[in-house]
Amino acid sequence: MVEVLAAPDIEGMVVQFLNAQYALRGDTARAATEYHERPRTVRVGRVGGARKNVAVDAPMVLVECWADDGVEASGLGLLTRALVWSMPRHKFATATIYRVYETGGLQSFPDPSTAQPRYQFIATIECRIKPI
């Protein structure tokens, strides 16, 4: 049988990590791959990035943070950004995160469809892929 190194589900890994970290802090924020109308919601989506070699994937991830007002949305964005930056050396079943760098900094980007304050950033998250 051929050893296969498939790129990991970065969206699922980031969502899992963020939700665990929010829970540890007693924060009511909830991360997902789709927008859910809640007071504090975070959406994670892969928006590009390339595989660097057979064992390293470098996906770009857009993280959007909604809250009831601009100050709260900014605070959720700052917390979430710090959490994503803390991911290196975190091990998942299919990959280990070894580097995070900012591709697009935190910015106010009000959501026209919900009229809710939203802050967002883009991070590149380099993963060492484990065989499946």
Protein backbone atom coordinates (compact mmCIF):
# COMPACT_ATOMS: atom_id res chain seq x y z
CA MET A 1 0.00 0.00 0.00
CA VAL A 2 1.22 3.52 -0.83
CA GLU A 3 1.71 5.97 2.03
CA VAL A 4 -0.62 8.92 1.54
CA LEU A 5 -0.09 12.41 2.90
CA ALA A 6 -3.36 14.29 2.42
CA ALA A 7 -3.68 17.94 3.38
CA PRO A 8 -5.47 18.23 6.72
CA ASP A 9 -8.88 19.84 7.31
CA ILE A 10 -7.48 23.16 8.52
CA GLU A 11 -10.94 24.66 9.00
CA GLY A 12 -11.98 21.82 11.30
CA MET A 13 -8.71 21.97 13.20
CA VAL A 14 -8.96 25.74 13.82
CA VAL A 15 -12.65 25.51 14.80
CA GLN A 16 -11.90 22.67 17.24
CA PHE A 17 -8.96 24.55 18.74
CA LEU A 18 -10.81 27.86 19.10
CA ASN A 19 -13.91 26.32 20.68
CA ALA A 20 -11.78 24.46 23.23
CA GLN A 21 -9.91 27.67 24.06
CA TYR A 22 -13.10 29.75 24.37
CA ALA A 23 -14.57 27.11 26.71
CA LEU A 24 -11.42 27.10 28.88
CA ARG A 25 -11.79 30.87 29.28
CA GLY A 26 -15.54 30.75 29.98
CA ASP A 27 -16.15 32.75 26.79
CA THR A 28 -19.51 32.37 25.06
CA ALA A 29 -17.99 32.76 21.58
CA ARG A 30 -18.54 29.87 19.20
CA ALA A 31 -16.46 29.10 16.10
CA ALA A 32 -17.81 27.26 13.04
CA THR A 33 -17.27 27.08 9.29
CA GLU A 34 -20.59 28.84 8.65
CA TYR A 35 -22.12 32.00 10.09
CA HIS A 36 -24.57 31.36 12.94
CA GLU A 37 -26.63 34.21 14.29
CA ARG A 38 -25.36 34.45 17.86
CA PRO A 39 -24.12 37.34 19.99
CA ARG A 40 -20.46 36.22 19.58
CA THR A 41 -19.73 34.12 16.54
CA VAL A 42 -16.55 33.30 14.64
CA ARG A 43 -16.41 31.87 11.12
CA VAL A 44 -13.29 30.09 9.86
CA GLY A 45 -12.69 29.46 6.15
CA ARG A 46 -9.77 28.44 4.01
CA VAL A 47 -9.19 31.10 1.36
CA GLY A 48 -6.09 29.78 -0.36
CA GLY A 49 -2.54 28.82 0.40
CA ALA A 50 -0.37 26.21 -1.20
CA ARG A 51 1.21 22.96 -0.29
CA LYS A 52 4.93 23.71 0.18
CA ASN A 53 6.13 20.15 -0.31
CA VAL A 54 4.98 16.57 0.18
CA ALA A 55 4.79 16.94 3.97
CA VAL A 56 3.92 20.61 4.54
CA ASP A 57 0.66 22.43 3.76
CA ALA A 58 0.39 26.21 4.22
CA PRO A 59 -3.30 27.16 4.06
CA MET A 60 -4.47 30.77 4.34
CA VAL A 61 -7.39 31.01 6.75
CA LEU A 62 -9.89 33.87 6.97
CA VAL A 63 -11.25 34.35 10.49
CA GLU A 64 -14.31 36.59 10.89
CA CYS A 65 -15.57 37.71 14.32
CA TRP A 66 -19.07 39.13 14.89
CA ALA A 67 -20.46 40.67 18.09
CA ASP A 68 -23.23 43.03 19.18
CA ASP A 69 -21.10 46.19 19.09
CA GLY A 70 -17.80 47.31 17.61
CA VAL A 71 -15.84 47.23 20.85
CA GLU A 72 -16.94 43.68 21.60
CA ALA A 73 -16.27 42.56 18.00
CA SER A 74 -12.80 44.10 18.15
CA GLY A 75 -12.10 42.38 21.48
CA LEU A 76 -13.26 39.03 20.09
CA GLY A 77 -11.03 39.59 17.06
CA LEU A 78 -8.01 40.40 19.24
CA LEU A 79 -8.60 37.33 21.45
CA THR A 80 -9.14 35.03 18.47
CA ARG A 81 -6.08 36.37 16.69
CA ALA A 82 -3.97 35.73 19.82
CA LEU A 83 -5.37 32.19 20.08
CA VAL A 84 -4.52 31.44 16.44
CA TRP A 85 -0.99 32.75 17.06
CA SER A 86 -0.69 30.30 19.97
CA MET A 87 -1.33 27.25 17.74
CA PRO A 88 2.29 26.31 16.84
CA ARG A 89 3.30 22.95 18.31
CA HIS A 90 -0.37 21.98 18.73
CA LYS A 91 -0.89 18.41 17.54
CA PHE A 92 -4.00 17.12 15.79
CA ALA A 93 -4.75 13.63 14.46
CA THR A 94 -3.75 14.54 10.89
CA ALA A 95 -1.17 17.31 11.33
CA THR A 96 0.97 19.32 13.69
CA ILE A 97 0.88 23.12 13.46
CA TYR A 98 4.43 24.42 13.40
CA ARG A 99 4.19 28.02 12.18
CA VAL A 100 1.59 30.79 12.01
CA TYR A 101 2.08 34.13 10.33
CA GLU A 102 -0.21 36.97 9.51
CA THR A 103 -1.24 37.42 5.90
CA GLY A 104 -3.79 40.18 6.58
CA GLY A 105 -4.00 42.00 9.91
CA LEU A 106 -7.08 42.52 12.05
CA GLN A 107 -9.46 45.00 10.46
CA SER A 108 -12.95 46.32 10.92
CA PHE A 109 -15.13 44.94 8.14
CA PRO A 110 -18.82 45.57 9.00
CA ASP A 111 -21.13 42.88 7.63
CA PRO A 112 -23.62 44.40 5.16
CA SER A 113 -25.93 41.36 5.29
CA THR A 114 -26.38 41.32 9.08
CA ALA A 115 -25.61 44.99 9.90
CA GLN A 116 -23.53 43.56 12.74
CA PRO A 117 -20.00 44.74 13.60
CA ARG A 118 -17.36 42.31 12.30
CA TYR A 119 -13.58 42.19 12.57
CA GLN A 120 -11.50 39.83 10.48
CA PHE A 121 -7.95 38.72 9.78
CA ILE A 122 -6.14 36.23 7.56
CA ALA A 123 -3.44 33.91 8.88
CA THR A 124 -1.26 31.38 7.10
CA ILE A 125 -0.98 28.24 9.21
CA GLU A 126 1.80 25.86 8.24
CA CYS A 127 1.13 22.21 9.07
CA ARG A 128 3.37 19.18 9.02
CA ILE A 129 1.14 16.47 7.59
CA LYS A 130 0.90 13.03 9.20
CA PRO A 131 0.45 9.89 7.06
CA ILE A 132 -3.07 8.51 6.80
